[in-house]
mmCIF file of all heavy atoms, coordinates in Angstrom:
data_MODEL
# 
_entry.id   MODEL 
# 
loop_
_atom_site.group_PDB 
_atom_site.id 
_atom_site.type_symbol 
_atom_site.label_atom_id 
_atom_site.label_alt_id 
_atom_site.label_comp_id 
_atom_site.label_asym_id 
_atom_site.label_entity_id 
_atom_site.label_seq_id 
_atom_site.pdbx_PDB_ins_code 
_atom_site.Cartn_x 
_atom_site.Cartn_y 
_atom_site.Cartn_z 
_atom_site.occupancy 
_atom_site.B_iso_or_equiv 
_atom_site.pdbx_formal_charge 
_atom_site.auth_seq_id 
_atom_site.auth_comp_id 
_atom_site.auth_asym_id 
_atom_site.auth_atom_id 
_atom_site.pdbx_PDB_model_num 
ATOM 1   N N   . VAL A 1 1  ? -196.144 13.632 6.003   1.00 0.00 ? 1  VAL A N   1 
ATOM 2   C CA  . VAL A 1 1  ? -197.503 13.245 6.064   1.00 0.00 ? 1  VAL A CA  1 
ATOM 3   C C   . VAL A 1 1  ? -198.420 14.446 5.855   1.00 0.00 ? 1  VAL A C   1 
ATOM 4   O O   . VAL A 1 1  ? -198.274 15.524 6.473   1.00 0.00 ? 1  VAL A O   1 
ATOM 5   C CB  . VAL A 1 1  ? -197.860 12.639 7.495   1.00 0.00 ? 1  VAL A CB  1 
ATOM 6   C CG1 . VAL A 1 1  ? -199.286 12.261 7.552   1.00 0.00 ? 1  VAL A CG1 1 
ATOM 7   C CG2 . VAL A 1 1  ? -196.920 11.517 7.776   1.00 0.00 ? 1  VAL A CG2 1 
ATOM 8   N N   . GLU A 1 2  ? -199.372 14.299 4.893   1.00 0.00 ? 2  GLU A N   1 
ATOM 9   C CA  . GLU A 1 2  ? -200.299 15.366 4.590   1.00 0.00 ? 2  GLU A CA  1 
ATOM 10  C C   . GLU A 1 2  ? -201.695 14.754 4.594   1.00 0.00 ? 2  GLU A C   1 
ATOM 11  O O   . GLU A 1 2  ? -201.887 13.542 4.578   1.00 0.00 ? 2  GLU A O   1 
ATOM 12  C CB  . GLU A 1 2  ? -199.994 15.974 3.227   1.00 0.00 ? 2  GLU A CB  1 
ATOM 13  C CG  . GLU A 1 2  ? -198.657 16.726 3.182   1.00 0.00 ? 2  GLU A CG  1 
ATOM 14  C CD  . GLU A 1 2  ? -198.415 17.384 1.842   1.00 0.00 ? 2  GLU A CD  1 
ATOM 15  O OE1 . GLU A 1 2  ? -199.358 17.476 1.031   1.00 0.00 ? 2  GLU A OE1 1 
ATOM 16  O OE2 . GLU A 1 2  ? -197.258 17.917 1.687   1.00 0.00 ? 2  GLU A OE2 1 
ATOM 17  N N   . THR A 1 3  ? -202.761 15.654 4.574   1.00 0.00 ? 3  THR A N   1 
ATOM 18  C CA  . THR A 1 3  ? -204.077 15.173 4.699   1.00 0.00 ? 3  THR A CA  1 
ATOM 19  C C   . THR A 1 3  ? -204.959 15.837 3.592   1.00 0.00 ? 3  THR A C   1 
ATOM 20  O O   . THR A 1 3  ? -204.622 16.962 3.084   1.00 0.00 ? 3  THR A O   1 
ATOM 21  C CB  . THR A 1 3  ? -204.695 15.506 6.071   1.00 0.00 ? 3  THR A CB  1 
ATOM 22  O OG1 . THR A 1 3  ? -204.760 16.908 6.237   1.00 0.00 ? 3  THR A OG1 1 
ATOM 23  C CG2 . THR A 1 3  ? -203.888 14.772 7.174   1.00 0.00 ? 3  THR A CG2 1 
ATOM 24  N N   . ALA A 1 4  ? -206.082 15.200 3.304   1.00 0.00 ? 4  ALA A N   1 
ATOM 25  C CA  . ALA A 1 4  ? -207.117 15.750 2.388   1.00 0.00 ? 4  ALA A CA  1 
ATOM 26  C C   . ALA A 1 4  ? -208.456 15.317 2.904   1.00 0.00 ? 4  ALA A C   1 
ATOM 27  O O   . ALA A 1 4  ? -208.666 14.195 3.414   1.00 0.00 ? 4  ALA A O   1 
ATOM 28  C CB  . ALA A 1 4  ? -206.855 15.232 0.956   1.00 0.00 ? 4  ALA A CB  1 
ATOM 29  N N   . SER A 1 5  ? -209.469 16.195 2.742   1.00 0.00 ? 5  SER A N   1 
ATOM 30  C CA  . SER A 1 5  ? -210.787 15.894 3.318   1.00 0.00 ? 5  SER A CA  1 
ATOM 31  C C   . SER A 1 5  ? -211.616 15.056 2.345   1.00 0.00 ? 5  SER A C   1 
ATOM 32  O O   . SER A 1 5  ? -212.605 14.493 2.797   1.00 0.00 ? 5  SER A O   1 
ATOM 33  C CB  . SER A 1 5  ? -211.521 17.224 3.698   1.00 0.00 ? 5  SER A CB  1 
ATOM 34  O OG  . SER A 1 5  ? -211.615 18.019 2.509   1.00 0.00 ? 5  SER A OG  1 
ATOM 35  N N   . ASP A 1 6  ? -211.332 15.029 1.100   1.00 0.00 ? 6  ASP A N   1 
ATOM 36  C CA  . ASP A 1 6  ? -212.073 14.241 0.160   1.00 0.00 ? 6  ASP A CA  1 
ATOM 37  C C   . ASP A 1 6  ? -211.187 13.823 -1.040  1.00 0.00 ? 6  ASP A C   1 
ATOM 38  O O   . ASP A 1 6  ? -209.987 14.247 -1.102  1.00 0.00 ? 6  ASP A O   1 
ATOM 39  C CB  . ASP A 1 6  ? -213.341 14.987 -0.311  1.00 0.00 ? 6  ASP A CB  1 
ATOM 40  C CG  . ASP A 1 6  ? -213.011 16.331 -0.888  1.00 0.00 ? 6  ASP A CG  1 
ATOM 41  O OD1 . ASP A 1 6  ? -211.966 16.488 -1.600  1.00 0.00 ? 6  ASP A OD1 1 
ATOM 42  O OD2 . ASP A 1 6  ? -213.792 17.306 -0.681  1.00 0.00 ? 6  ASP A OD2 1 
ATOM 43  N N   . ALA A 1 7  ? -211.782 12.993 -1.902  1.00 0.00 ? 7  ALA A N   1 
ATOM 44  C CA  . ALA A 1 7  ? -211.018 12.455 -3.026  1.00 0.00 ? 7  ALA A CA  1 
ATOM 45  C C   . ALA A 1 7  ? -210.608 13.505 -4.020  1.00 0.00 ? 7  ALA A C   1 
ATOM 46  O O   . ALA A 1 7  ? -209.476 13.558 -4.579  1.00 0.00 ? 7  ALA A O   1 
ATOM 47  C CB  . ALA A 1 7  ? -211.831 11.362 -3.739  1.00 0.00 ? 7  ALA A CB  1 
ATOM 48  N N   . GLU A 1 8  ? -211.509 14.482 -4.247  1.00 0.00 ? 8  GLU A N   1 
ATOM 49  C CA  . GLU A 1 8  ? -211.181 15.619 -5.168  1.00 0.00 ? 8  GLU A CA  1 
ATOM 50  C C   . GLU A 1 8  ? -209.961 16.365 -4.706  1.00 0.00 ? 8  GLU A C   1 
ATOM 51  O O   . GLU A 1 8  ? -209.043 16.680 -5.494  1.00 0.00 ? 8  GLU A O   1 
ATOM 52  C CB  . GLU A 1 8  ? -212.386 16.517 -5.309  1.00 0.00 ? 8  GLU A CB  1 
ATOM 53  C CG  . GLU A 1 8  ? -213.529 15.933 -6.073  1.00 0.00 ? 8  GLU A CG  1 
ATOM 54  C CD  . GLU A 1 8  ? -214.456 15.083 -5.250  1.00 0.00 ? 8  GLU A CD  1 
ATOM 55  O OE1 . GLU A 1 8  ? -214.168 14.799 -4.070  1.00 0.00 ? 8  GLU A OE1 1 
ATOM 56  O OE2 . GLU A 1 8  ? -215.544 14.636 -5.755  1.00 0.00 ? 8  GLU A OE2 1 
ATOM 57  N N   . ALA A 1 9  ? -209.904 16.654 -3.365  1.00 0.00 ? 9  ALA A N   1 
ATOM 58  C CA  . ALA A 1 9  ? -208.752 17.390 -2.846  1.00 0.00 ? 9  ALA A CA  1 
ATOM 59  C C   . ALA A 1 9  ? -207.535 16.565 -2.913  1.00 0.00 ? 9  ALA A C   1 
ATOM 60  O O   . ALA A 1 9  ? -206.385 17.083 -3.154  1.00 0.00 ? 9  ALA A O   1 
ATOM 61  C CB  . ALA A 1 9  ? -209.065 17.741 -1.371  1.00 0.00 ? 9  ALA A CB  1 
ATOM 62  N N   . ALA A 1 10 ? -207.626 15.252 -2.736  1.00 0.00 ? 10 ALA A N   1 
ATOM 63  C CA  . ALA A 1 10 ? -206.485 14.374 -2.841  1.00 0.00 ? 10 ALA A CA  1 
ATOM 64  C C   . ALA A 1 10 ? -205.884 14.385 -4.241  1.00 0.00 ? 10 ALA A C   1 
ATOM 65  O O   . ALA A 1 10 ? -204.709 14.454 -4.395  1.00 0.00 ? 10 ALA A O   1 
ATOM 66  C CB  . ALA A 1 10 ? -206.852 12.910 -2.417  1.00 0.00 ? 10 ALA A CB  1 
ATOM 67  N N   . LEU A 1 11 ? -206.811 14.295 -5.250  1.00 0.00 ? 11 LEU A N   1 
ATOM 68  C CA  . LEU A 1 11 ? -206.360 14.304 -6.674  1.00 0.00 ? 11 LEU A CA  1 
ATOM 69  C C   . LEU A 1 11 ? -205.640 15.667 -6.961  1.00 0.00 ? 11 LEU A C   1 
ATOM 70  O O   . LEU A 1 11 ? -204.700 15.707 -7.735  1.00 0.00 ? 11 LEU A O   1 
ATOM 71  C CB  . LEU A 1 11 ? -207.493 14.014 -7.599  1.00 0.00 ? 11 LEU A CB  1 
ATOM 72  C CG  . LEU A 1 11 ? -208.104 12.585 -7.480  1.00 0.00 ? 11 LEU A CG  1 
ATOM 73  C CD1 . LEU A 1 11 ? -209.379 12.507 -8.380  1.00 0.00 ? 11 LEU A CD1 1 
ATOM 74  C CD2 . LEU A 1 11 ? -207.044 11.573 -7.908  1.00 0.00 ? 11 LEU A CD2 1 
ATOM 75  N N   . GLU A 1 12 ? -206.125 16.751 -6.438  1.00 0.00 ? 12 GLU A N   1 
ATOM 76  C CA  . GLU A 1 12 ? -205.529 18.052 -6.691  1.00 0.00 ? 12 GLU A CA  1 
ATOM 77  C C   . GLU A 1 12 ? -204.156 18.039 -6.105  1.00 0.00 ? 12 GLU A C   1 
ATOM 78  O O   . GLU A 1 12 ? -203.211 18.623 -6.651  1.00 0.00 ? 12 GLU A O   1 
ATOM 79  C CB  . GLU A 1 12 ? -206.391 19.137 -6.035  1.00 0.00 ? 12 GLU A CB  1 
ATOM 80  C CG  . GLU A 1 12 ? -207.660 19.527 -6.831  1.00 0.00 ? 12 GLU A CG  1 
ATOM 81  C CD  . GLU A 1 12 ? -208.498 20.535 -6.162  1.00 0.00 ? 12 GLU A CD  1 
ATOM 82  O OE1 . GLU A 1 12 ? -207.971 21.151 -5.189  1.00 0.00 ? 12 GLU A OE1 1 
ATOM 83  O OE2 . GLU A 1 12 ? -209.634 20.760 -6.550  1.00 0.00 ? 12 GLU A OE2 1 
ATOM 84  N N   . LYS A 1 13 ? -203.927 17.404 -4.884  1.00 0.00 ? 13 LYS A N   1 
ATOM 85  C CA  . LYS A 1 13 ? -202.635 17.433 -4.285  1.00 0.00 ? 13 LYS A CA  1 
ATOM 86  C C   . LYS A 1 13 ? -201.633 16.591 -5.183  1.00 0.00 ? 13 LYS A C   1 
ATOM 87  O O   . LYS A 1 13 ? -200.417 16.924 -5.260  1.00 0.00 ? 13 LYS A O   1 
ATOM 88  C CB  . LYS A 1 13 ? -202.692 16.732 -2.882  1.00 0.00 ? 13 LYS A CB  1 
ATOM 89  C CG  . LYS A 1 13 ? -203.206 17.754 -1.763  1.00 0.00 ? 13 LYS A CG  1 
ATOM 90  C CD  . LYS A 1 13 ? -203.194 17.046 -0.463  1.00 0.00 ? 13 LYS A CD  1 
ATOM 91  C CE  . LYS A 1 13 ? -203.423 18.085 0.664   1.00 0.00 ? 13 LYS A CE  1 
ATOM 92  N NZ  . LYS A 1 13 ? -202.284 18.976 0.841   1.00 0.00 ? 13 LYS A NZ  1 
ATOM 93  N N   . PHE A 1 14 ? -202.161 15.561 -5.870  1.00 0.00 ? 14 PHE A N   1 
ATOM 94  C CA  . PHE A 1 14 ? -201.269 14.742 -6.718  1.00 0.00 ? 14 PHE A CA  1 
ATOM 95  C C   . PHE A 1 14 ? -200.758 15.539 -7.897  1.00 0.00 ? 14 PHE A C   1 
ATOM 96  O O   . PHE A 1 14 ? -199.801 15.194 -8.570  1.00 0.00 ? 14 PHE A O   1 
ATOM 97  C CB  . PHE A 1 14 ? -201.964 13.457 -7.113  1.00 0.00 ? 14 PHE A CB  1 
ATOM 98  C CG  . PHE A 1 14 ? -201.692 12.322 -6.267  1.00 0.00 ? 14 PHE A CG  1 
ATOM 99  C CD1 . PHE A 1 14 ? -202.543 11.985 -5.183  1.00 0.00 ? 14 PHE A CD1 1 
ATOM 100 C CD2 . PHE A 1 14 ? -200.623 11.520 -6.491  1.00 0.00 ? 14 PHE A CD2 1 
ATOM 101 C CE1 . PHE A 1 14 ? -202.253 10.917 -4.351  1.00 0.00 ? 14 PHE A CE1 1 
ATOM 102 C CE2 . PHE A 1 14 ? -200.297 10.358 -5.621  1.00 0.00 ? 14 PHE A CE2 1 
ATOM 103 C CZ  . PHE A 1 14 ? -201.147 10.112 -4.582  1.00 0.00 ? 14 PHE A CZ  1 
ATOM 104 N N   . GLU A 1 15 ? -201.494 16.616 -8.205  1.00 0.00 ? 15 GLU A N   1 
ATOM 105 C CA  . GLU A 1 15 ? -201.095 17.437 -9.341  1.00 0.00 ? 15 GLU A CA  1 
ATOM 106 C C   . GLU A 1 15 ? -199.883 18.243 -9.018  1.00 0.00 ? 15 GLU A C   1 
ATOM 107 O O   . GLU A 1 15 ? -199.123 18.728 -9.843  1.00 0.00 ? 15 GLU A O   1 
ATOM 108 C CB  . GLU A 1 15 ? -202.238 18.354 -9.835  1.00 0.00 ? 15 GLU A CB  1 
ATOM 109 C CG  . GLU A 1 15 ? -203.403 17.650 -10.404 1.00 0.00 ? 15 GLU A CG  1 
ATOM 110 C CD  . GLU A 1 15 ? -204.528 18.566 -10.751 1.00 0.00 ? 15 GLU A CD  1 
ATOM 111 O OE1 . GLU A 1 15 ? -204.377 19.800 -10.586 1.00 0.00 ? 15 GLU A OE1 1 
ATOM 112 O OE2 . GLU A 1 15 ? -205.554 18.058 -11.265 1.00 0.00 ? 15 GLU A OE2 1 
ATOM 113 N N   . GLN A 1 16 ? -199.668 18.483 -7.697  1.00 0.00 ? 16 GLN A N   1 
ATOM 114 C CA  . GLN A 1 16 ? -198.605 19.362 -7.209  1.00 0.00 ? 16 GLN A CA  1 
ATOM 115 C C   . GLN A 1 16 ? -197.399 18.485 -6.601  1.00 0.00 ? 16 GLN A C   1 
ATOM 116 O O   . GLN A 1 16 ? -196.276 18.971 -6.557  1.00 0.00 ? 16 GLN A O   1 
ATOM 117 C CB  . GLN A 1 16 ? -199.040 20.270 -6.139  1.00 0.00 ? 16 GLN A CB  1 
ATOM 118 C CG  . GLN A 1 16 ? -200.253 21.099 -6.566  1.00 0.00 ? 16 GLN A CG  1 
ATOM 119 C CD  . GLN A 1 16 ? -199.914 22.044 -7.686  1.00 0.00 ? 16 GLN A CD  1 
ATOM 120 O OE1 . GLN A 1 16 ? -198.798 22.528 -7.821  1.00 0.00 ? 16 GLN A OE1 1 
ATOM 121 N NE2 . GLN A 1 16 ? -200.871 22.309 -8.580  1.00 0.00 ? 16 GLN A NE2 1 
ATOM 122 N N   . SER A 1 17 ? -197.713 17.233 -6.171  1.00 0.00 ? 17 SER A N   1 
ATOM 123 C CA  . SER A 1 17 ? -196.684 16.512 -5.543  1.00 0.00 ? 17 SER A CA  1 
ATOM 124 C C   . SER A 1 17 ? -196.933 14.989 -5.756  1.00 0.00 ? 17 SER A C   1 
ATOM 125 O O   . SER A 1 17 ? -197.876 14.583 -6.454  1.00 0.00 ? 17 SER A O   1 
ATOM 126 C CB  . SER A 1 17 ? -196.746 16.772 -3.989  1.00 0.00 ? 17 SER A CB  1 
ATOM 127 O OG  . SER A 1 17 ? -195.722 16.156 -3.314  1.00 0.00 ? 17 SER A OG  1 
ATOM 128 N N   . THR A 1 18 ? -196.060 14.164 -5.168  1.00 0.00 ? 18 THR A N   1 
ATOM 129 C CA  . THR A 1 18 ? -196.109 12.731 -5.299  1.00 0.00 ? 18 THR A CA  1 
ATOM 130 C C   . THR A 1 18 ? -196.109 12.063 -3.912  1.00 0.00 ? 18 THR A C   1 
ATOM 131 O O   . THR A 1 18 ? -195.400 12.517 -3.040  1.00 0.00 ? 18 THR A O   1 
ATOM 132 C CB  . THR A 1 18 ? -194.975 12.162 -6.149  1.00 0.00 ? 18 THR A CB  1 
ATOM 133 O OG1 . THR A 1 18 ? -194.996 12.802 -7.399  1.00 0.00 ? 18 THR A OG1 1 
ATOM 134 C CG2 . THR A 1 18 ? -195.103 10.657 -6.351  1.00 0.00 ? 18 THR A CG2 1 
ATOM 135 N N   . TYR A 1 19 ? -196.923 11.057 -3.776  1.00 0.00 ? 19 TYR A N   1 
ATOM 136 C CA  . TYR A 1 19 ? -196.988 10.330 -2.518  1.00 0.00 ? 19 TYR A CA  1 
ATOM 137 C C   . TYR A 1 19 ? -196.767 8.831  -2.753  1.00 0.00 ? 19 TYR A C   1 
ATOM 138 O O   . TYR A 1 19 ? -197.261 8.285  -3.763  1.00 0.00 ? 19 TYR A O   1 
ATOM 139 C CB  . TYR A 1 19 ? -198.350 10.552 -1.837  1.00 0.00 ? 19 TYR A CB  1 
ATOM 140 C CG  . TYR A 1 19 ? -198.707 11.980 -1.566  1.00 0.00 ? 19 TYR A CG  1 
ATOM 141 C CD1 . TYR A 1 19 ? -199.346 12.719 -2.582  1.00 0.00 ? 19 TYR A CD1 1 
ATOM 142 C CD2 . TYR A 1 19 ? -198.328 12.659 -0.440  1.00 0.00 ? 19 TYR A CD2 1 
ATOM 143 C CE1 . TYR A 1 19 ? -199.647 14.086 -2.442  1.00 0.00 ? 19 TYR A CE1 1 
ATOM 144 C CE2 . TYR A 1 19 ? -198.588 13.953 -0.253  1.00 0.00 ? 19 TYR A CE2 1 
ATOM 145 C CZ  . TYR A 1 19 ? -199.278 14.697 -1.241  1.00 0.00 ? 19 TYR A CZ  1 
ATOM 146 O OH  . TYR A 1 19 ? -199.542 16.047 -1.057  1.00 0.00 ? 19 TYR A OH  1 
ATOM 147 N N   . GLN A 1 20 ? -196.025 8.229  -1.882  1.00 0.00 ? 20 GLN A N   1 
ATOM 148 C CA  . GLN A 1 20 ? -195.763 6.805  -2.045  1.00 0.00 ? 20 GLN A CA  1 
ATOM 149 C C   . GLN A 1 20 ? -196.880 5.927  -1.378  1.00 0.00 ? 20 GLN A C   1 
ATOM 150 O O   . GLN A 1 20 ? -197.033 4.778  -1.773  1.00 0.00 ? 20 GLN A O   1 
ATOM 151 C CB  . GLN A 1 20 ? -194.420 6.411  -1.363  1.00 0.00 ? 20 GLN A CB  1 
ATOM 152 C CG  . GLN A 1 20 ? -193.199 6.875  -2.154  1.00 0.00 ? 20 GLN A CG  1 
ATOM 153 C CD  . GLN A 1 20 ? -193.063 8.379  -2.251  1.00 0.00 ? 20 GLN A CD  1 
ATOM 154 O OE1 . GLN A 1 20 ? -193.075 9.113  -1.247  1.00 0.00 ? 20 GLN A OE1 1 
ATOM 155 N NE2 . GLN A 1 20 ? -192.925 8.846  -3.536  1.00 0.00 ? 20 GLN A NE2 1 
ATOM 156 N N   . LEU A 1 21 ? -197.662 6.528  -0.469  1.00 0.00 ? 21 LEU A N   1 
ATOM 157 C CA  . LEU A 1 21 ? -198.750 5.806  0.161   1.00 0.00 ? 21 LEU A CA  1 
ATOM 158 C C   . LEU A 1 21 ? -199.935 6.710  0.379   1.00 0.00 ? 21 LEU A C   1 
ATOM 159 O O   . LEU A 1 21 ? -199.754 7.874  0.793   1.00 0.00 ? 21 LEU A O   1 
ATOM 160 C CB  . LEU A 1 21 ? -198.242 5.198  1.531   1.00 0.00 ? 21 LEU A CB  1 
ATOM 161 C CG  . LEU A 1 21 ? -199.360 4.547  2.389   1.00 0.00 ? 21 LEU A CG  1 
ATOM 162 C CD1 . LEU A 1 21 ? -199.836 3.246  1.637   1.00 0.00 ? 21 LEU A CD1 1 
ATOM 163 C CD2 . LEU A 1 21 ? -198.776 4.165  3.753   1.00 0.00 ? 21 LEU A CD2 1 
ATOM 164 N N   . VAL A 1 22 ? -201.165 6.222  0.100   1.00 0.00 ? 22 VAL A N   1 
ATOM 165 C CA  . VAL A 1 22 ? -202.394 6.911  0.377   1.00 0.00 ? 22 VAL A CA  1 
ATOM 166 C C   . VAL A 1 22 ? -203.170 6.064  1.291   1.00 0.00 ? 22 VAL A C   1 
ATOM 167 O O   . VAL A 1 22 ? -203.344 4.805  1.101   1.00 0.00 ? 22 VAL A O   1 
ATOM 168 C CB  . VAL A 1 22 ? -203.150 7.210  -0.912  1.00 0.00 ? 22 VAL A CB  1 
ATOM 169 C CG1 . VAL A 1 22 ? -204.573 7.692  -0.587  1.00 0.00 ? 22 VAL A CG1 1 
ATOM 170 C CG2 . VAL A 1 22 ? -202.434 8.170  -1.777  1.00 0.00 ? 22 VAL A CG2 1 
ATOM 171 N N   . ILE A 1 23 ? -203.694 6.583  2.431   1.00 0.00 ? 23 ILE A N   1 
ATOM 172 C CA  . ILE A 1 23 ? -204.570 5.937  3.336   1.00 0.00 ? 23 ILE A CA  1 
ATOM 173 C C   . ILE A 1 23 ? -205.952 6.578  3.122   1.00 0.00 ? 23 ILE A C   1 
ATOM 174 O O   . ILE A 1 23 ? -206.128 7.784  3.523   1.00 0.00 ? 23 ILE A O   1 
ATOM 175 C CB  . ILE A 1 23 ? -204.090 5.989  4.752   1.00 0.00 ? 23 ILE A CB  1 
ATOM 176 C CG1 . ILE A 1 23 ? -202.697 5.358  4.891   1.00 0.00 ? 23 ILE A CG1 1 
ATOM 177 C CG2 . ILE A 1 23 ? -205.084 5.240  5.679   1.00 0.00 ? 23 ILE A CG2 1 
ATOM 178 C CD1 . ILE A 1 23 ? -202.071 5.509  6.238   1.00 0.00 ? 23 ILE A CD1 1 
ATOM 179 N N   . ALA A 1 24 ? -206.928 5.899  2.614   1.00 0.00 ? 24 ALA A N   1 
ATOM 180 C CA  . ALA A 1 24 ? -208.181 6.581  2.169   1.00 0.00 ? 24 ALA A CA  1 
ATOM 181 C C   . ALA A 1 24 ? -209.367 5.774  2.780   1.00 0.00 ? 24 ALA A C   1 
ATOM 182 O O   . ALA A 1 24 ? -209.423 4.568  2.707   1.00 0.00 ? 24 ALA A O   1 
ATOM 183 C CB  . ALA A 1 24 ? -208.303 6.666  0.699   1.00 0.00 ? 24 ALA A CB  1 
# 
């Protein structure tokens, strides 16, 4: 389980890893 404070940070995380579920 990881977190991001906004959508831009979330998209940056997807460049480094993969998530099966996003709760936004």
